[in-house]
């Protein structure tokens, strides 16, 4: 079997310090970019919901016409 690398265990305080240090290295998006992305997602979600609604409506009409209900 492959040799497993030994992992050094760290305490919770050291762990959270490392997490904070890594968080500071992250390049965060600007407020404007976040707002634009959110608006885009909301609009696309609404468009997809409308498409699915109308597709379901048309399929329902076709099935009713075929079955004569």
C-alpha atoms as a PDB file:
ATOM      1  CA  UNK A   1       0.000   0.000   0.000  1.00  0.00           C
ATOM      2  CA  UNK A   2       1.037   3.585  -0.481  1.00  0.00           C
ATOM      3  CA  UNK A   3       2.674   5.349   2.407  1.00  0.00           C
ATOM      4  CA  UNK A   4       0.339   7.768   4.096  1.00  0.00           C
ATOM      5  CA  UNK A   5       1.723  11.215   4.772  1.00  0.00           C
ATOM      6  CA  UNK A   6       1.783  12.052   8.448  1.00  0.00           C
ATOM      7  CA  UNK A   7      -0.447  14.995   9.254  1.00  0.00           C
ATOM      8  CA  UNK A   8       0.491  17.285  12.081  1.00  0.00           C
ATOM      9  CA  UNK A   9      -2.453  17.973  14.353  1.00  0.00           C
ATOM     10  CA  UNK A  10      -3.031  21.563  15.378  1.00  0.00           C
ATOM     11  CA  UNK A  11      -5.111  23.006  18.168  1.00  0.00           C
ATOM     12  CA  UNK A  12      -8.354  24.898  17.590  1.00  0.00           C
ATOM     13  CA  UNK A  13      -6.790  28.326  18.149  1.00  0.00           C
ATOM     14  CA  UNK A  14      -4.043  27.659  15.604  1.00  0.00           C
ATOM     15  CA  UNK A  15      -6.604  26.242  13.198  1.00  0.00           C
ATOM     16  CA  UNK A  16      -8.784  29.364  13.345  1.00  0.00           C
ATOM     17  CA  UNK A  17      -5.737  31.602  12.940  1.00  0.00           C
ATOM     18  CA  UNK A  18      -4.843  29.673   9.788  1.00  0.00           C
ATOM     19  CA  UNK A  19      -8.425  29.938   8.531  1.00  0.00           C
ATOM     20  CA  UNK A  20      -8.382  33.698   9.086  1.00  0.00           C
ATOM     21  CA  UNK A  21      -5.025  34.029   7.302  1.00  0.00           C
ATOM     22  CA  UNK A  22      -6.346  32.065   4.316  1.00  0.00           C
ATOM     23  CA  UNK A  23      -9.532  34.163   4.298  1.00  0.00           C
ATOM     24  CA  UNK A  24      -7.434  37.309   4.034  1.00  0.00           C
ATOM     25  CA  UNK A  25      -5.714  35.893   0.931  1.00  0.00           C
ATOM     26  CA  UNK A  26      -9.017  35.466  -0.929  1.00  0.00           C
ATOM     27  CA  UNK A  27      -9.855  37.962  -3.664  1.00  0.00           C
ATOM     28  CA  UNK A  28     -13.445  38.913  -2.895  1.00  0.00           C
ATOM     29  CA  UNK A  29     -15.799  40.314  -5.518  1.00  0.00           C
ATOM     30  CA  UNK A  30     -16.806  43.936  -5.280  1.00  0.00           C
ATOM     31  CA  UNK A  31     -20.226  44.976  -4.024  1.00  0.00           C
ATOM     32  CA  UNK A  32     -21.215  46.047  -7.554  1.00  0.00           C
ATOM     33  CA  UNK A  33     -20.217  42.672  -9.048  1.00  0.00           C
ATOM     34  CA  UNK A  34     -22.170  40.842  -6.359  1.00  0.00           C
ATOM     35  CA  UNK A  35     -25.280  42.942  -7.006  1.00  0.00           C
ATOM     36  CA  UNK A  36     -25.020  42.401 -10.776  1.00  0.00           C
ATOM     37  CA  UNK A  37     -24.610  38.647 -10.363  1.00  0.00           C
ATOM     38  CA  UNK A  38     -27.573  38.501  -7.976  1.00  0.00           C
ATOM     39  CA  UNK A  39     -29.811  40.436 -10.374  1.00  0.00           C
ATOM     40  CA  UNK A  40     -28.749  38.173 -13.240  1.00  0.00           C
ATOM     41  CA  UNK A  41     -29.558  35.027 -11.240  1.00  0.00           C
ATOM     42  CA  UNK A  42     -32.974  36.361 -10.199  1.00  0.00           C
ATOM     43  CA  UNK A  43     -33.895  37.360 -13.771  1.00  0.00           C
ATOM     44  CA  UNK A  44     -32.739  34.028 -15.208  1.00  0.00           C
ATOM     45  CA  UNK A  45     -34.666  32.137 -12.518  1.00  0.00           C
ATOM     46  CA  UNK A  46     -37.844  34.047 -13.394  1.00  0.00           C
ATOM     47  CA  UNK A  47     -37.358  33.426 -17.128  1.00  0.00           C
ATOM     48  CA  UNK A  48     -36.804  29.703 -16.603  1.00  0.00           C
ATOM     49  CA  UNK A  49     -39.855  29.514 -14.327  1.00  0.00           C
ATOM     50  CA  UNK A  50     -41.995  31.245 -16.971  1.00  0.00           C
ATOM     51  CA  UNK A  51     -40.694  28.944 -19.698  1.00  0.00           C
ATOM     52  CA  UNK A  52     -41.468  25.853 -17.631  1.00  0.00           C
ATOM     53  CA  UNK A  53     -44.927  27.206 -16.764  1.00  0.00           C
ATOM     54  CA  UNK A  54     -45.838  27.767 -20.415  1.00  0.00           C
ATOM     55  CA  UNK A  55     -44.285  24.469 -21.529  1.00  0.00           C
ATOM     56  CA  UNK A  56     -46.319  22.640 -18.887  1.00  0.00           C
ATOM     57  CA  UNK A  57     -49.457  24.532 -19.934  1.00  0.00           C
ATOM     58  CA  UNK A  58     -49.012  23.614 -23.615  1.00  0.00           C
ATOM     59  CA  UNK A  59     -48.206  19.978 -22.841  1.00  0.00           C
ATOM     60  CA  UNK A  60     -51.284  19.838 -20.609  1.00  0.00           C
ATOM     61  CA  UNK A  61     -53.454  21.197 -23.451  1.00  0.00           C
ATOM     62  CA  UNK A  62     -52.030  18.662 -25.901  1.00  0.00           C
ATOM     63  CA  UNK A  63     -52.587  15.744 -23.529  1.00  0.00           C
ATOM     64  CA  UNK A  64     -56.163  16.866 -22.838  1.00  0.00           C
ATOM     65  CA  UNK A  65     -56.833  17.204 -26.571  1.00  0.00           C
ATOM     66  CA  UNK A  66     -55.478  13.721 -27.251  1.00  0.00           C
ATOM     67  CA  UNK A  67     -57.313  12.034 -24.400  1.00  0.00           C
ATOM     68  CA  UNK A  68     -60.519  14.022 -24.967  1.00  0.00           C
ATOM     69  CA  UNK A  69     -60.873  15.181 -21.385  1.00  0.00           C
END
